[in-house]
Protein backbone atom coordinates (compact mmCIF):
# COMPACT_ATOMS: atom_id res chain seq x y z
CA UNK A 1 0.00 0.00 0.00
CA UNK A 2 2.87 2.36 0.77
CA UNK A 3 4.28 1.86 -2.72
CA UNK A 4 0.95 2.91 -4.25
CA UNK A 5 0.76 6.03 -2.07
CA UNK A 6 4.32 7.00 -2.94
CA UNK A 7 3.68 6.55 -6.67
CA UNK A 8 0.38 8.44 -6.50
CA UNK A 9 2.07 11.42 -4.82
CA UNK A 10 4.99 11.66 -7.24
CA UNK A 11 3.45 14.32 -9.52
CA UNK A 12 0.32 16.40 -9.99
CA UNK A 13 -0.87 14.05 -12.74
CA UNK A 14 -0.50 10.96 -10.54
CA UNK A 15 -2.19 12.75 -7.61
CA UNK A 16 -5.23 13.44 -9.80
CA UNK A 17 -5.20 9.86 -11.08
CA UNK A 18 -4.90 8.57 -7.52
CA UNK A 19 -7.90 10.61 -6.43
CA UNK A 20 -9.95 9.24 -9.33
CA UNK A 21 -8.96 5.66 -8.46
CA UNK A 22 -9.17 5.96 -4.67
CA UNK A 23 -12.60 4.34 -4.15
CA UNK A 24 -11.91 1.56 -6.66
CA UNK A 25 -8.57 0.78 -5.04
CA UNK A 26 -10.16 0.63 -1.58
CA UNK A 27 -12.71 -1.90 -2.84
CA UNK A 28 -9.98 -3.93 -4.53
CA UNK A 29 -7.83 -3.94 -1.37
CA UNK A 30 -10.71 -5.50 0.61
CA UNK A 31 -10.27 -8.55 -1.61
CA UNK A 32 -6.80 -9.03 -0.10
CA UNK A 33 -7.77 -8.23 3.50
CA UNK A 34 -7.26 -11.30 5.68
CA UNK A 35 -9.84 -9.99 8.18
CA UNK A 36 -12.53 -10.07 5.47
CA UNK A 37 -11.62 -13.46 4.02
CA UNK A 38 -10.86 -15.25 7.28
CA UNK A 39 -8.42 -17.89 6.14
CA UNK A 40 -7.35 -20.37 3.51
CA UNK A 41 -7.93 -24.11 3.42
CA UNK A 42 -5.00 -26.37 4.18
CA UNK A 43 -5.03 -29.12 1.59
CA UNK A 44 -3.67 -32.60 2.16
CA UNK A 45 -5.27 -33.24 5.54
CA UNK A 46 -8.12 -35.64 6.11
CA UNK A 47 -10.78 -33.09 7.02
CA UNK A 48 -11.30 -29.36 7.07
CA UNK A 49 -8.44 -27.19 8.25
CA UNK A 50 -8.34 -23.42 7.79
CA UNK A 51 -5.17 -21.39 8.25
CA UNK A 52 -5.81 -17.87 9.56
CA UNK A 53 -3.34 -14.99 9.73
CA UNK A 54 -1.38 -14.74 12.98
CA UNK A 55 -2.73 -11.22 13.59
CA UNK A 56 -6.35 -12.31 13.19
CA UNK A 57 -8.85 -10.73 15.52
CA UNK A 58 -12.44 -11.80 16.21
CA UNK A 59 -13.77 -10.75 12.77
CA UNK A 60 -11.19 -12.84 10.92
CA UNK A 61 -11.77 -15.86 13.18
CA UNK A 62 -15.53 -15.53 12.67
CA UNK A 63 -15.00 -15.44 8.90
CA UNK A 64 -12.63 -18.43 9.06
CA UNK A 65 -15.36 -20.39 10.85
CA UNK A 66 -17.78 -19.36 8.09
CA UNK A 67 -15.30 -20.72 5.53
CA UNK A 68 -15.28 -24.06 7.40
CA UNK A 69 -19.06 -24.10 7.52
CA UNK A 70 -19.35 -23.40 3.78
CA UNK A 71 -16.78 -26.07 2.91
CA UNK A 72 -18.82 -28.63 4.86
CA UNK A 73 -22.20 -27.37 3.62
CA UNK A 74 -21.10 -27.43 -0.02
CA UNK A 75 -19.32 -30.79 0.38
CA UNK A 76 -16.12 -29.33 -1.08
CA UNK A 77 -13.92 -32.09 0.42
CA UNK A 78 -16.07 -34.78 -1.21
CA UNK A 79 -15.91 -32.92 -4.53
CA UNK A 80 -12.11 -32.70 -4.30
CA UNK A 81 -11.85 -36.42 -3.55
CA UNK A 82 -14.18 -37.20 -6.46
CA UNK A 83 -12.18 -35.06 -8.87
CA UNK A 84 -8.84 -36.44 -7.71
CA UNK A 85 -9.99 -40.03 -8.07
CA UNK A 86 -11.30 -39.43 -11.59
CA UNK A 87 -9.24 -41.45 -14.11
CA UNK A 88 -9.31 -38.68 -16.71
CA UNK A 89 -7.83 -36.26 -14.17
CA UNK A 90 -4.98 -38.58 -13.18
CA UNK A 91 -4.14 -39.39 -16.80
CA UNK A 92 -4.03 -35.76 -17.93
CA UNK A 93 -0.77 -34.13 -18.94
CA UNK A 94 -1.27 -31.41 -16.30
CA UNK A 95 -0.32 -33.73 -13.42
PDB file of N, CA and C in Angstrom:
ATOM      1  N   UNK A   1       0.831  -1.196   0.000  1.00  0.00           N
ATOM      2  CA  UNK A   1       0.000   0.000   0.000  1.00  0.00           C
ATOM      3  C   UNK A   1       0.870   1.253   0.000  1.00  0.00           C
ATOM      4  N   UNK A   2       1.967   1.217   0.725  1.00  0.00           N
ATOM      5  CA  UNK A   2       2.870   2.357   0.773  1.00  0.00           C
ATOM      6  C   UNK A   2       3.456   2.687  -0.582  1.00  0.00           C
ATOM      7  N   UNK A   3       3.731   1.664  -1.373  1.00  0.00           N
ATOM      8  CA  UNK A   3       4.280   1.863  -2.720  1.00  0.00           C
ATOM      9  C   UNK A   3       3.274   2.602  -3.590  1.00  0.00           C
ATOM     10  N   UNK A   4       1.990   2.237  -3.474  1.00  0.00           N
ATOM     11  CA  UNK A   4       0.948   2.913  -4.250  1.00  0.00           C
ATOM     12  C   UNK A   4       0.836   4.379  -3.847  1.00  0.00           C
ATOM     13  N   UNK A   5       0.867   4.642  -2.546  1.00  0.00           N
ATOM     14  CA  UNK A   5       0.761   6.028  -2.075  1.00  0.00           C
ATOM     15  C   UNK A   5       1.938   6.858  -2.560  1.00  0.00           C
ATOM     16  N   UNK A   6       3.126   6.284  -2.491  1.00  0.00           N
ATOM     17  CA  UNK A   6       4.322   6.998  -2.943  1.00  0.00           C
ATOM     18  C   UNK A   6       4.238   7.311  -4.435  1.00  0.00           C
ATOM     19  N   UNK A   7       3.805   6.340  -5.227  1.00  0.00           N
ATOM     20  CA  UNK A   7       3.677   6.551  -6.671  1.00  0.00           C
ATOM     21  C   UNK A   7       2.597   7.580  -6.976  1.00  0.00           C
ATOM     22  N   UNK A   8       1.486   7.520  -6.244  1.00  0.00           N
ATOM     23  CA  UNK A   8       0.376   8.444  -6.496  1.00  0.00           C
ATOM     24  C   UNK A   8       0.744   9.875  -6.139  1.00  0.00           C
ATOM     25  N   UNK A   9       1.682  10.076  -5.241  1.00  0.00           N
ATOM     26  CA  UNK A   9       2.067  11.423  -4.823  1.00  0.00           C
ATOM     27  C   UNK A   9       3.301  11.950  -5.543  1.00  0.00           C
ATOM     28  N   UNK A  10       3.747  11.269  -6.583  1.00  0.00           N
ATOM     29  CA  UNK A  10       4.991  11.660  -7.244  1.00  0.00           C
ATOM     30  C   UNK A  10       4.846  12.860  -8.177  1.00  0.00           C
ATOM     31  N   UNK A  11       3.654  13.157  -8.656  1.00  0.00           N
ATOM     32  CA  UNK A  11       3.452  14.324  -9.520  1.00  0.00           C
ATOM     33  C   UNK A  11       1.986  14.753  -9.444  1.00  0.00           C
ATOM     34  N   UNK A  12       1.698  15.913  -9.991  1.00  0.00           N
ATOM     35  CA  UNK A  12       0.315  16.400  -9.990  1.00  0.00           C
ATOM     36  C   UNK A  12      -0.588  15.456 -10.777  1.00  0.00           C
ATOM     37  N   UNK A  13      -0.080  14.963 -11.911  1.00  0.00           N
ATOM     38  CA  UNK A  13      -0.866  14.053 -12.744  1.00  0.00           C
ATOM     39  C   UNK A  13      -1.209  12.769 -11.978  1.00  0.00           C
ATOM     40  N   UNK A  14      -0.225  12.204 -11.277  1.00  0.00           N
ATOM     41  CA  UNK A  14      -0.497  10.962 -10.544  1.00  0.00           C
ATOM     42  C   UNK A  14      -1.378  11.214  -9.323  1.00  0.00           C
ATOM     43  N   UNK A  15      -1.296  12.414  -8.735  1.00  0.00           N
ATOM     44  CA  UNK A  15      -2.188  12.752  -7.613  1.00  0.00           C
ATOM     45  C   UNK A  15      -3.638  12.786  -8.087  1.00  0.00           C
ATOM     46  N   UNK A  16      -3.872  13.384  -9.242  1.00  0.00           N
ATOM     47  CA  UNK A  16      -5.231  13.443  -9.801  1.00  0.00           C
ATOM     48  C   UNK A  16      -5.713  12.034 -10.135  1.00  0.00           C
ATOM     49  N   UNK A  17      -4.845  11.248 -10.769  1.00  0.00           N
ATOM     50  CA  UNK A  17      -5.204   9.861 -11.082  1.00  0.00           C
ATOM     51  C   UNK A  17      -5.491   9.062  -9.826  1.00  0.00           C
ATOM     52  N   UNK A  18      -4.686   9.263  -8.790  1.00  0.00           N
ATOM     53  CA  UNK A  18      -4.896   8.574  -7.520  1.00  0.00           C
ATOM     54  C   UNK A  18      -6.233   8.919  -6.896  1.00  0.00           C
ATOM     55  N   UNK A  19      -6.599  10.194  -6.967  1.00  0.00           N
ATOM     56  CA  UNK A  19      -7.902  10.608  -6.430  1.00  0.00           C
ATOM     57  C   UNK A  19      -9.050   9.958  -7.196  1.00  0.00           C
ATOM     58  N   UNK A  20      -8.898   9.866  -8.521  1.00  0.00           N
ATOM     59  CA  UNK A  20      -9.946   9.240  -9.331  1.00  0.00           C
ATOM     60  C   UNK A  20     -10.072   7.744  -9.042  1.00  0.00           C
ATOM     61  N   UNK A  21      -8.968   7.108  -8.702  1.00  0.00           N
ATOM     62  CA  UNK A  21      -8.962   5.659  -8.460  1.00  0.00           C
ATOM     63  C   UNK A  21      -9.164   5.274  -6.995  1.00  0.00           C
ATOM     64  N   UNK A  22      -9.179   6.241  -6.100  1.00  0.00           N
ATOM     65  CA  UNK A  22      -9.170   5.963  -4.667  1.00  0.00           C
ATOM     66  C   UNK A  22     -10.254   4.974  -4.226  1.00  0.00           C
ATOM     67  N   UNK A  23     -11.508   5.221  -4.579  1.00  0.00           N
ATOM     68  CA  UNK A  23     -12.602   4.340  -4.154  1.00  0.00           C
ATOM     69  C   UNK A  23     -12.466   2.942  -4.745  1.00  0.00           C
ATOM     70  N   UNK A  24     -12.090   2.870  -6.015  1.00  0.00           N
ATOM     71  CA  UNK A  24     -11.914   1.564  -6.659  1.00  0.00           C
ATOM     72  C   UNK A  24     -10.780   0.779  -6.011  1.00  0.00           C
ATOM     73  N   UNK A  25      -9.696   1.452  -5.683  1.00  0.00           N
ATOM     74  CA  UNK A  25      -8.569   0.777  -5.044  1.00  0.00           C
ATOM     75  C   UNK A  25      -8.931   0.285  -3.647  1.00  0.00           C
ATOM     76  N   UNK A  26      -9.722   1.070  -2.915  1.00  0.00           N
ATOM     77  CA  UNK A  26     -10.160   0.629  -1.581  1.00  0.00           C
ATOM     78  C   UNK A  26     -10.989  -0.646  -1.677  1.00  0.00           C
ATOM     79  N   UNK A  27     -11.894  -0.689  -2.658  1.00  0.00           N
ATOM     80  CA  UNK A  27     -12.709  -1.902  -2.840  1.00  0.00           C
ATOM     81  C   UNK A  27     -11.835  -3.089  -3.226  1.00  0.00           C
ATOM     82  N   UNK A  28     -10.867  -2.850  -4.098  1.00  0.00           N
ATOM     83  CA  UNK A  28      -9.976  -3.928  -4.528  1.00  0.00           C
ATOM     84  C   UNK A  28      -9.124  -4.428  -3.363  1.00  0.00           C
ATOM     85  N   UNK A  29      -8.671  -3.548  -2.500  1.00  0.00           N
ATOM     86  CA  UNK A  29      -7.831  -3.943  -1.370  1.00  0.00           C
ATOM     87  C   UNK A  29      -8.592  -4.819  -0.380  1.00  0.00           C
ATOM     88  N   UNK A  30      -9.913  -4.650  -0.287  1.00  0.00           N
ATOM     89  CA  UNK A  30     -10.707  -5.499   0.607  1.00  0.00           C
ATOM     90  C   UNK A  30     -10.637  -6.961   0.177  1.00  0.00           C
ATOM     91  N   UNK A  31     -10.408  -7.194  -1.099  1.00  0.00           N
ATOM     92  CA  UNK A  31     -10.266  -8.554  -1.614  1.00  0.00           C
ATOM     93  C   UNK A  31      -9.060  -9.245  -0.980  1.00  0.00           C
ATOM     94  N   UNK A  32      -8.030  -8.484  -0.657  1.00  0.00           N
ATOM     95  CA  UNK A  32      -6.798  -9.035  -0.098  1.00  0.00           C
ATOM     96  C   UNK A  32      -6.740  -8.956   1.424  1.00  0.00           C
ATOM     97  N   UNK A  33      -7.769  -8.423   2.058  1.00  0.00           N
ATOM     98  CA  UNK A  33      -7.774  -8.229   3.503  1.00  0.00           C
ATOM     99  C   UNK A  33      -8.052  -9.545   4.219  1.00  0.00           C
ATOM    100  N   UNK A  34      -7.090 -10.017   5.001  1.00  0.00           N
ATOM    101  CA  UNK A  34      -7.260 -11.300   5.681  1.00  0.00           C
ATOM    102  C   UNK A  34      -8.399 -11.264   6.694  1.00  0.00           C
ATOM    103  N   UNK A  35      -8.726 -10.092   7.236  1.00  0.00           N
ATOM    104  CA  UNK A  35      -9.843  -9.987   8.179  1.00  0.00           C
ATOM    105  C   UNK A  35     -11.166 -10.288   7.477  1.00  0.00           C
ATOM    106  N   UNK A  36     -11.298  -9.853   6.230  1.00  0.00           N
ATOM    107  CA  UNK A  36     -12.528 -10.069   5.474  1.00  0.00           C
ATOM    108  C   UNK A  36     -12.652 -11.518   5.038  1.00  0.00           C
ATOM    109  N   UNK A  37     -11.563 -12.096   4.562  1.00  0.00           N
ATOM    110  CA  UNK A  37     -11.623 -13.456   4.022  1.00  0.00           C
ATOM    111  C   UNK A  37     -11.640 -14.509   5.120  1.00  0.00           C
ATOM    112  N   UNK A  38     -10.865 -14.314   6.164  1.00  0.00           N
ATOM    113  CA  UNK A  38     -10.860 -15.252   7.283  1.00  0.00           C
ATOM    114  C   UNK A  38      -9.695 -16.204   7.262  1.00  0.00           C
ATOM    115  N   UNK A  39      -9.514 -16.932   6.198  1.00  0.00           N
ATOM    116  CA  UNK A  39      -8.421 -17.894   6.135  1.00  0.00           C
ATOM    117  C   UNK A  39      -8.459 -18.682   4.851  1.00  0.00           C
ATOM    118  N   UNK A  40      -7.464 -19.538   4.709  1.00  0.00           N
ATOM    119  CA  UNK A  40      -7.353 -20.375   3.513  1.00  0.00           C
ATOM    120  C   UNK A  40      -7.337 -21.838   3.914  1.00  0.00           C
ATOM    121  N   UNK A  41      -7.929 -22.683   3.083  1.00  0.00           N
ATOM    122  CA  UNK A  41      -7.933 -24.111   3.421  1.00  0.00           C
ATOM    123  C   UNK A  41      -6.539 -24.717   3.300  1.00  0.00           C
ATOM    124  N   UNK A  42      -6.231 -25.608   4.221  1.00  0.00           N
ATOM    125  CA  UNK A  42      -4.996 -26.369   4.181  1.00  0.00           C
ATOM    126  C   UNK A  42      -5.318 -27.691   3.510  1.00  0.00           C
ATOM    127  N   UNK A  43      -4.753 -27.905   2.342  1.00  0.00           N
ATOM    128  CA  UNK A  43      -5.029 -29.124   1.589  1.00  0.00           C
ATOM    129  C   UNK A  43      -4.065 -30.231   2.004  1.00  0.00           C
ATOM    130  N   UNK A  44      -4.513 -31.455   1.855  1.00  0.00           N
ATOM    131  CA  UNK A  44      -3.671 -32.597   2.163  1.00  0.00           C
ATOM    132  C   UNK A  44      -3.934 -33.203   3.528  1.00  0.00           C
ATOM    133  N   UNK A  45      -4.882 -32.662   4.254  1.00  0.00           N
ATOM    134  CA  UNK A  45      -5.268 -33.240   5.539  1.00  0.00           C
ATOM    135  C   UNK A  45      -6.606 -33.945   5.364  1.00  0.00           C
ATOM    136  N   UNK A  46      -6.875 -34.894   6.213  1.00  0.00           N
ATOM    137  CA  UNK A  46      -8.122 -35.644   6.111  1.00  0.00           C
ATOM    138  C   UNK A  46      -9.194 -34.922   6.921  1.00  0.00           C
ATOM    139  N   UNK A  47      -9.759 -33.889   6.350  1.00  0.00           N
ATOM    140  CA  UNK A  47     -10.781 -33.094   7.020  1.00  0.00           C
ATOM    141  C   UNK A  47     -10.655 -31.645   6.611  1.00  0.00           C
ATOM    142  N   UNK A  48     -11.304 -30.785   7.372  1.00  0.00           N
ATOM    143  CA  UNK A  48     -11.299 -29.358   7.068  1.00  0.00           C
ATOM    144  C   UNK A  48     -10.339 -28.664   8.021  1.00  0.00           C
ATOM    145  N   UNK A  49      -9.388 -27.945   7.456  1.00  0.00           N
ATOM    146  CA  UNK A  49      -8.437 -27.186   8.252  1.00  0.00           C
ATOM    147  C   UNK A  49      -8.242 -25.838   7.576  1.00  0.00           C
ATOM    148  N   UNK A  50      -8.467 -24.773   8.327  1.00  0.00           N
ATOM    149  CA  UNK A  50      -8.335 -23.422   7.792  1.00  0.00           C
ATOM    150  C   UNK A  50      -7.171 -22.735   8.493  1.00  0.00           C
ATOM    151  N   UNK A  51      -6.298 -22.131   7.716  1.00  0.00           N
ATOM    152  CA  UNK A  51      -5.167 -21.385   8.251  1.00  0.00           C
ATOM    153  C   UNK A  51      -5.547 -19.909   8.252  1.00  0.00           C
ATOM    154  N   UNK A  52      -5.515 -19.297   9.429  1.00  0.00           N
ATOM    155  CA  UNK A  52      -5.814 -17.871   9.559  1.00  0.00           C
ATOM    156  C   UNK A  52      -4.503 -17.116   9.793  1.00  0.00           C
ATOM    157  N   UNK A  53      -4.512 -15.834   9.522  1.00  0.00           N
ATOM    158  CA  UNK A  53      -3.344 -14.988   9.729  1.00  0.00           C
ATOM    159  C   UNK A  53      -3.043 -14.908  11.225  1.00  0.00           C
ATOM    160  N   UNK A  54      -1.783 -14.810  11.581  1.00  0.00           N
ATOM    161  CA  UNK A  54      -1.385 -14.737  12.981  1.00  0.00           C
ATOM    162  C   UNK A  54      -1.898 -13.510  13.708  1.00  0.00           C
ATOM    163  N   UNK A  55      -2.203 -12.448  12.982  1.00  0.00           N
ATOM    164  CA  UNK A  55      -2.729 -11.223  13.589  1.00  0.00           C
ATOM    165  C   UNK A  55      -4.249 -11.177  13.584  1.00  0.00           C
ATOM    166  N   UNK A  56      -4.889 -12.290  13.296  1.00  0.00           N
ATOM    167  CA  UNK A  56      -6.348 -12.312  13.188  1.00  0.00           C
ATOM    168  C   UNK A  56      -7.015 -11.925  14.500  1.00  0.00           C
ATOM    169  N   UNK A  57      -8.026 -11.115  14.376  1.00  0.00           N
ATOM    170  CA  UNK A  57      -8.853 -10.732  15.523  1.00  0.00           C
ATOM    171  C   UNK A  57     -10.193 -11.441  15.370  1.00  0.00           C
ATOM    172  N   UNK A  58     -11.171 -11.062  16.186  1.00  0.00           N
ATOM    173  CA  UNK A  58     -12.442 -11.799  16.208  1.00  0.00           C
ATOM    174  C   UNK A  58     -13.143 -11.839  14.854  1.00  0.00           C
ATOM    175  N   UNK A  59     -13.086 -10.762  14.077  1.00  0.00           N
ATOM    176  CA  UNK A  59     -13.774 -10.745  12.774  1.00  0.00           C
ATOM    177  C   UNK A  59     -13.166 -11.779  11.823  1.00  0.00           C
ATOM    178  N   UNK A  60     -11.852 -11.874  11.809  1.00  0.00           N
ATOM    179  CA  UNK A  60     -11.189 -12.839  10.925  1.00  0.00           C
ATOM    180  C   UNK A  60     -11.473 -14.269  11.368  1.00  0.00           C
ATOM    181  N   UNK A  61     -11.480 -14.517  12.672  1.00  0.00           N
ATOM    182  CA  UNK A  61     -11.769 -15.859  13.178  1.00  0.00           C
ATOM    183  C   UNK A  61     -13.205 -16.240  12.849  1.00  0.00           C
ATOM    184  N   UNK A  62     -14.122 -15.286  13.023  1.00  0.00           N
ATOM    185  CA  UNK A  62     -15.528 -15.532  12.672  1.00  0.00           C
ATOM    186  C   UNK A  62     -15.647 -15.890  11.193  1.00  0.00           C
ATOM    187  N   UNK A  63     -14.945 -15.166  10.339  1.00  0.00           N
ATOM    188  CA  UNK A  63     -15.004 -15.438   8.903  1.00  0.00           C
ATOM    189  C   UNK A  63     -14.321 -16.755   8.548  1.00  0.00           C
ATOM    190  N   UNK A  64     -13.276 -17.133   9.282  1.00  0.00           N
ATOM    191  CA  UNK A  64     -12.632 -18.430   9.056  1.00  0.00           C
ATOM    192  C   UNK A  64     -13.590 -19.566   9.409  1.00  0.00           C
ATOM    193  N   UNK A  65     -14.356 -19.388  10.474  1.00  0.00           N
ATOM    194  CA  UNK A  65     -15.358 -20.395  10.852  1.00  0.00           C
ATOM    195  C   UNK A  65     -16.436 -20.493   9.775  1.00  0.00           C
ATOM    196  N   UNK A  66     -16.811 -19.350   9.200  1.00  0.00           N
ATOM    197  CA  UNK A  66     -17.784 -19.365   8.094  1.00  0.00           C
ATOM    198  C   UNK A  66     -17.231 -20.134   6.895  1.00  0.00           C
ATOM    199  N   UNK A  67     -15.930 -19.974   6.631  1.00  0.00           N
ATOM    200  CA  UNK A  67     -15.303 -20.715   5.532  1.00  0.00           C
ATOM    201  C   UNK A  67     -15.425 -22.212   5.797  1.00  0.00           C
ATOM    202  N   UNK A  68     -15.139 -22.630   7.029  1.00  0.00           N
ATOM    203  CA  UNK A  68     -15.278 -24.056   7.399  1.00  0.00           C
ATOM    204  C   UNK A  68     -16.709 -24.528   7.185  1.00  0.00           C
ATOM    205  N   UNK A  69     -17.648 -23.739   7.654  1.00  0.00           N
ATOM    206  CA  UNK A  69     -19.057 -24.101   7.516  1.00  0.00           C
ATOM    207  C   UNK A  69     -19.423 -24.280   6.044  1.00  0.00           C
ATOM    208  N   UNK A  70     -19.010 -23.335   5.211  1.00  0.00           N
ATOM    209  CA  UNK A  70     -19.350 -23.404   3.784  1.00  0.00           C
ATOM    210  C   UNK A  70     -18.675 -24.582   3.090  1.00  0.00           C
ATOM    211  N   UNK A  71     -17.459 -24.906   3.493  1.00  0.00           N
ATOM    212  CA  UNK A  71     -16.780 -26.073   2.914  1.00  0.00           C
ATOM    213  C   UNK A  71     -17.570 -27.335   3.227  1.00  0.00           C
ATOM    214  N   UNK A  72     -18.035 -27.456   4.469  1.00  0.00           N
ATOM    215  CA  UNK A  72     -18.819 -28.633   4.855  1.00  0.00           C
ATOM    216  C   UNK A  72     -20.187 -28.629   4.173  1.00  0.00           C
ATOM    217  N   UNK A  73     -20.855 -27.482   4.200  1.00  0.00           N
ATOM    218  CA  UNK A  73     -22.203 -27.371   3.620  1.00  0.00           C
ATOM    219  C   UNK A  73     -22.199 -27.702   2.132  1.00  0.00           C
ATOM    220  N   UNK A  74     -21.190 -27.226   1.428  1.00  0.00           N
ATOM    221  CA  UNK A  74     -21.105 -27.431  -0.021  1.00  0.00           C
ATOM    222  C   UNK A  74     -20.377 -28.721  -0.399  1.00  0.00           C
ATOM    223  N   UNK A  75     -19.982 -29.493   0.595  1.00  0.00           N
ATOM    224  CA  UNK A  75     -19.317 -30.794   0.381  1.00  0.00           C
ATOM    225  C   UNK A  75     -18.075 -30.657  -0.510  1.00  0.00           C
ATOM    226  N   UNK A  76     -17.304 -29.617  -0.268  1.00  0.00           N
ATOM    227  CA  UNK A  76     -16.120 -29.333  -1.079  1.00  0.00           C
ATOM    228  C   UNK A  76     -15.088 -30.455  -0.968  1.00  0.00           C
ATOM    229  N   UNK A  77     -14.894 -31.004   0.238  1.00  0.00           N
ATOM    230  CA  UNK A  77     -13.922 -32.090   0.420  1.00  0.00           C
ATOM    231  C   UNK A  77     -14.316 -33.293  -0.429  1.00  0.00           C
ATOM    232  N   UNK A  78     -15.601 -33.650  -0.397  1.00  0.00           N
ATOM    233  CA  UNK A  78     -16.073 -34.779  -1.209  1.00  0.00           C
ATOM    234  C   UNK A  78     -15.868 -34.512  -2.697  1.00  0.00           C
ATOM    235  N   UNK A  79     -16.100 -33.276  -3.117  1.00  0.00           N
ATOM    236  CA  UNK A  79     -15.913 -32.918  -4.526  1.00  0.00           C
ATOM    237  C   UNK A  79     -14.438 -33.007  -4.922  1.00  0.00           C
ATOM    238  N   UNK A  80     -13.543 -32.574  -4.035  1.00  0.00           N
ATOM    239  CA  UNK A  80     -12.112 -32.705  -4.298  1.00  0.00           C
ATOM    240  C   UNK A  80     -11.737 -34.168  -4.449  1.00  0.00           C
ATOM    241  N   UNK A  81     -12.175 -34.993  -3.499  1.00  0.00           N
ATOM    242  CA  UNK A  81     -11.853 -36.421  -3.554  1.00  0.00           C
ATOM    243  C   UNK A  81     -12.372 -37.049  -4.841  1.00  0.00           C
ATOM    244  N   UNK A  82     -13.581 -36.675  -5.231  1.00  0.00           N
ATOM    245  CA  UNK A  82     -14.183 -37.204  -6.456  1.00  0.00           C
ATOM    246  C   UNK A  82     -13.356 -36.811  -7.677  1.00  0.00           C
ATOM    247  N   UNK A  83     -12.974 -35.544  -7.732  1.00  0.00           N
ATOM    248  CA  UNK A  83     -12.182 -35.062  -8.867  1.00  0.00           C
ATOM    249  C   UNK A  83     -10.806 -35.719  -8.908  1.00  0.00           C
ATOM    250  N   UNK A  84     -10.182 -35.860  -7.748  1.00  0.00           N
ATOM    251  CA  UNK A  84      -8.837 -36.435  -7.709  1.00  0.00           C
ATOM    252  C   UNK A  84      -8.826 -37.928  -8.003  1.00  0.00           C
ATOM    253  N   UNK A  85      -9.938 -38.603  -7.776  1.00  0.00           N
ATOM    254  CA  UNK A  85      -9.990 -40.034  -8.067  1.00  0.00           C
ATOM    255  C   UNK A  85     -10.435 -40.315  -9.497  1.00  0.00           C
ATOM    256  N   UNK A  86     -10.841 -39.288 -10.217  1.00  0.00           N
ATOM    257  CA  UNK A  86     -11.301 -39.428 -11.594  1.00  0.00           C
ATOM    258  C   UNK A  86     -10.126 -39.842 -12.492  1.00  0.00           C
ATOM    259  N   UNK A  87     -10.296 -40.929 -13.232  1.00  0.00           N
ATOM    260  CA  UNK A  87      -9.243 -41.449 -14.114  1.00  0.00           C
ATOM    261  C   UNK A  87      -8.771 -40.408 -15.127  1.00  0.00           C
ATOM    262  N   UNK A  88      -9.697 -39.658 -15.692  1.00  0.00           N
ATOM    263  CA  UNK A  88      -9.308 -38.683 -16.714  1.00  0.00           C
ATOM    264  C   UNK A  88      -8.437 -37.586 -16.106  1.00  0.00           C
ATOM    265  N   UNK A  89      -8.648 -37.275 -14.838  1.00  0.00           N
ATOM    266  CA  UNK A  89      -7.826 -36.260 -14.170  1.00  0.00           C
ATOM    267  C   UNK A  89      -6.412 -36.788 -13.952  1.00  0.00           C
ATOM    268  N   UNK A  90      -6.297 -38.016 -13.470  1.00  0.00           N
ATOM    269  CA  UNK A  90      -4.980 -38.584 -13.180  1.00  0.00           C
ATOM    270  C   UNK A  90      -4.175 -38.821 -14.442  1.00  0.00           C
ATOM    271  N   UNK A  91      -4.844 -39.102 -15.553  1.00  0.00           N
ATOM    272  CA  UNK A  91      -4.139 -39.390 -16.796  1.00  0.00           C
ATOM    273  C   UNK A  91      -3.821 -38.139 -17.607  1.00  0.00           C
ATOM    274  N   UNK A  92      -4.255 -36.979 -17.153  1.00  0.00           N
ATOM    275  CA  UNK A  92      -4.031 -35.765 -17.934  1.00  0.00           C
ATOM    276  C   UNK A  92      -2.559 -35.366 -17.885  1.00  0.00           C
ATOM    277  N   UNK A  93      -2.157 -34.577 -18.856  1.00  0.00           N
ATOM    278  CA  UNK A  93      -0.767 -34.128 -18.943  1.00  0.00           C
ATOM    279  C   UNK A  93      -0.460 -33.057 -17.916  1.00  0.00           C
ATOM    280  N   UNK A  94      -1.477 -32.492 -17.261  1.00  0.00           N
ATOM    281  CA  UNK A  94      -1.272 -31.415 -16.303  1.00  0.00           C
ATOM    282  C   UNK A  94      -0.770 -31.904 -14.952  1.00  0.00           C
ATOM    283  N   UNK A  95      -0.739 -33.206 -14.733  1.00  0.00           N
ATOM    284  CA  UNK A  95      -0.322 -33.728 -13.421  1.00  0.00           C
ATOM    285  C   UNK A  95       1.121 -34.142 -13.434  1.00  0.00           C
TER     286      UNK A  95
END
